[in-house]
């Protein structure tokens, strides 16, 4: 029984480590500075969503442990959103509503991106990214560059074994 407690804690630490890598990749300077991704709360959240979707897509080809990890990762995304909103001073009463809205956005984006990523439809993904990430901003070549990065990043993740992700290590290619 006591060993199961350590295993659960190790898994939680692994999930947090992978989420940390997702956030670090989402904060890479190049998409904001060169591709026109809006450097705003919404733009950064969209980049977290995109990177989380990439990892979740990679995990989808795994076994039961990978599926459990994917659920833990999704839970960690929303736990962090809750923490972030509270740090930004959002009141307790509003946090639940805002996290629910963020979840709707997350799942909507995931539903739009995953089939395009699965088929490697870079043009379709660029259109979806233009609508979501670049909405209301000068798009330029940004959506196409971000789509190319996402397709390449997913291929990069699929070229590697899934076990390191389950152990808390995920590496994204340079944008």
Protein backbone atom coordinates (compact mmCIF):
# COMPACT_ATOMS: atom_id res chain seq x y z
CA UNK A 1 0.00 0.00 0.00
CA UNK A 2 2.71 2.48 0.89
CA UNK A 3 4.44 1.90 -2.47
CA UNK A 4 1.30 3.04 -4.29
CA UNK A 5 1.53 6.38 -2.48
CA UNK A 6 5.08 6.92 -3.75
CA UNK A 7 4.10 5.89 -7.28
CA UNK A 8 1.21 8.38 -7.27
CA UNK A 9 3.50 11.18 -6.04
CA UNK A 10 6.12 10.31 -8.67
CA UNK A 11 3.44 10.43 -11.36
CA UNK A 12 2.18 13.80 -10.11
CA UNK A 13 5.75 15.13 -10.15
CA UNK A 14 6.20 13.79 -13.69
CA UNK A 15 2.99 15.48 -14.81
CA UNK A 16 4.12 18.76 -13.29
CA UNK A 17 7.52 18.46 -14.97
CA UNK A 18 5.92 17.88 -18.37
CA UNK A 19 3.53 20.78 -17.80
CA UNK A 20 6.53 22.94 -16.90
CA UNK A 21 8.17 21.99 -20.21
CA UNK A 22 4.94 22.86 -22.05
CA UNK A 23 4.84 26.29 -20.42
CA UNK A 24 8.53 26.87 -21.17
CA UNK A 25 8.02 25.95 -24.84
CA UNK A 26 4.91 28.15 -24.98
CA UNK A 27 6.98 31.08 -23.71
CA UNK A 28 9.69 30.76 -26.33
CA UNK A 29 10.42 34.25 -27.60
CA UNK A 30 10.45 33.56 -31.35
CA UNK A 31 6.70 33.07 -31.98
CA UNK A 32 5.97 36.35 -30.22
CA UNK A 33 8.86 38.38 -31.58
CA UNK A 34 9.01 37.07 -35.15
CA UNK A 35 5.73 35.34 -36.00
CA UNK A 36 3.31 37.84 -34.50
CA UNK A 37 1.72 35.68 -31.81
CA UNK A 38 0.13 38.26 -29.50
CA UNK A 39 2.22 38.66 -26.36
CA UNK A 40 -0.80 38.82 -24.09
CA UNK A 41 -2.53 36.61 -21.55
CA UNK A 42 -4.71 35.18 -24.32
CA UNK A 43 -1.79 34.69 -26.70
CA UNK A 44 0.24 32.89 -24.07
CA UNK A 45 -2.72 30.73 -23.10
CA UNK A 46 -3.20 29.79 -26.76
CA UNK A 47 0.45 28.76 -26.96
CA UNK A 48 0.08 26.63 -23.82
CA UNK A 49 -3.00 25.01 -25.37
CA UNK A 50 -1.14 24.27 -28.61
CA UNK A 51 1.81 22.66 -26.83
CA UNK A 52 -0.46 20.72 -24.47
CA UNK A 53 -2.44 19.42 -27.47
CA UNK A 54 0.82 18.27 -29.06
CA UNK A 55 1.74 16.26 -25.97
CA UNK A 56 -1.80 14.92 -25.54
CA UNK A 57 -1.80 13.84 -29.17
CA UNK A 58 1.49 11.98 -28.62
CA UNK A 59 0.10 10.34 -25.48
CA UNK A 60 -3.05 9.23 -27.32
CA UNK A 61 -1.07 6.50 -29.06
CA UNK A 62 0.04 5.07 -25.72
CA UNK A 63 -1.33 2.49 -23.35
CA UNK A 64 -3.47 2.86 -20.23
CA UNK A 65 -0.62 4.51 -18.32
CA UNK A 66 -0.29 7.11 -21.08
CA UNK A 67 -4.03 7.77 -20.97
CA UNK A 68 -3.90 8.24 -17.20
CA UNK A 69 -0.93 10.57 -17.63
CA UNK A 70 -2.85 12.55 -20.25
CA UNK A 71 -5.73 12.99 -17.82
CA UNK A 72 -3.33 14.10 -15.09
CA UNK A 73 -1.74 16.57 -17.50
CA UNK A 74 -5.12 18.02 -18.45
CA UNK A 75 -5.98 18.35 -14.75
CA UNK A 76 -2.66 20.12 -14.14
CA UNK A 77 -3.37 22.63 -16.93
CA UNK A 78 -6.60 23.68 -15.23
CA UNK A 79 -5.13 23.62 -11.73
CA UNK A 80 -2.47 26.04 -12.99
CA UNK A 81 -5.09 28.24 -14.62
CA UNK A 82 -6.94 28.35 -11.29
CA UNK A 83 -3.71 29.30 -9.47
CA UNK A 84 -2.82 31.91 -12.08
CA UNK A 85 -6.22 33.57 -11.93
CA UNK A 86 -6.02 33.77 -8.15
CA UNK A 87 -2.50 35.27 -8.38
CA UNK A 88 -3.85 37.87 -10.82
CA UNK A 89 -6.38 38.88 -8.17
CA UNK A 90 -9.52 37.29 -9.58
CA UNK A 91 -12.02 36.81 -6.75
CA UNK A 92 -12.97 33.35 -5.49
CA UNK A 93 -16.51 33.67 -6.82
CA UNK A 94 -15.32 34.41 -10.37
CA UNK A 95 -12.50 31.85 -10.58
CA UNK A 96 -14.77 28.87 -11.24
CA UNK A 97 -16.58 30.64 -14.07
CA UNK A 98 -13.34 31.82 -15.64
CA UNK A 99 -11.71 28.38 -15.41
CA UNK A 100 -14.83 26.83 -16.95
CA UNK A 101 -14.58 29.30 -19.86
CA UNK A 102 -10.87 28.52 -20.22
CA UNK A 103 -11.72 24.80 -20.30
CA UNK A 104 -14.26 25.42 -23.06
CA UNK A 105 -11.59 27.27 -25.05
CA UNK A 106 -9.04 24.51 -24.40
CA UNK A 107 -11.33 21.70 -25.52
CA UNK A 108 -12.60 23.69 -28.49
CA UNK A 109 -9.06 24.35 -29.69
CA UNK A 110 -8.05 20.73 -29.07
CA UNK A 111 -11.04 19.52 -31.06
CA UNK A 112 -10.09 21.83 -33.93
CA UNK A 113 -6.33 21.13 -33.92
CA UNK A 114 -6.08 17.39 -33.27
CA UNK A 115 -7.62 16.11 -36.53
CA UNK A 116 -5.50 18.58 -38.51
CA UNK A 117 -2.37 17.49 -36.67
CA UNK A 118 -3.22 13.81 -37.13
CA UNK A 119 -3.48 14.23 -40.89
CA UNK A 120 -0.60 16.72 -41.13
CA UNK A 121 -2.95 19.29 -42.71
CA UNK A 122 -0.65 22.26 -42.31
CA UNK A 123 -2.84 24.62 -44.36
CA UNK A 124 -5.95 23.72 -42.36
CA UNK A 125 -4.03 24.09 -39.12
CA UNK A 126 -2.77 27.51 -40.24
CA UNK A 127 -6.37 28.59 -40.83
CA UNK A 128 -7.44 27.34 -37.38
CA UNK A 129 -4.48 29.08 -35.74
CA UNK A 130 -5.25 32.30 -37.64
CA UNK A 131 -8.81 32.25 -36.25
CA UNK A 132 -7.78 31.40 -32.70
CA UNK A 133 -4.27 32.52 -31.88
CA UNK A 134 -4.01 35.47 -34.27
CA UNK A 135 -7.62 36.69 -34.03
CA UNK A 136 -7.79 40.45 -34.28
CA UNK A 137 -4.11 40.92 -35.07
CA UNK A 138 -2.03 41.37 -38.19
CA UNK A 139 -1.51 37.77 -39.20
CA UNK A 140 1.15 37.98 -41.87
CA UNK A 141 3.00 34.69 -42.23
CA UNK A 142 2.58 33.89 -38.53
CA UNK A 143 -0.19 31.27 -38.78
CA UNK A 144 1.68 29.34 -41.45
CA UNK A 145 4.94 29.45 -39.51
CA UNK A 146 3.22 28.36 -36.31
CA UNK A 147 1.40 25.55 -38.14
CA UNK A 148 4.67 24.33 -39.68
CA UNK A 149 6.25 24.36 -36.22
CA UNK A 150 3.34 22.44 -34.69
CA UNK A 151 3.40 19.74 -37.38
CA UNK A 152 7.19 19.41 -37.02
CA UNK A 153 6.93 19.36 -33.21
CA UNK A 154 4.36 16.56 -33.31
CA UNK A 155 6.57 14.55 -35.69
CA UNK A 156 9.47 15.19 -33.29
CA UNK A 157 7.42 13.88 -30.36
CA UNK A 158 6.33 10.79 -32.31
CA UNK A 159 9.93 9.99 -33.24
CA UNK A 160 10.76 9.53 -29.57
CA UNK A 161 9.60 6.86 -27.15
CA UNK A 162 6.69 7.71 -24.90
CA UNK A 163 8.38 6.51 -21.69
CA UNK A 164 10.41 9.70 -21.09
CA UNK A 165 7.20 11.73 -21.20
CA UNK A 166 5.65 9.43 -18.60
CA UNK A 167 8.78 9.95 -16.51
CA UNK A 168 8.48 13.73 -16.73
CA UNK A 169 10.69 14.65 -19.69
CA UNK A 170 9.44 16.15 -22.92
CA UNK A 171 11.53 18.09 -25.39
CA UNK A 172 10.14 20.34 -28.08
CA UNK A 173 12.16 21.35 -31.14
CA UNK A 174 13.31 24.93 -31.49
CA UNK A 175 10.70 27.03 -33.31
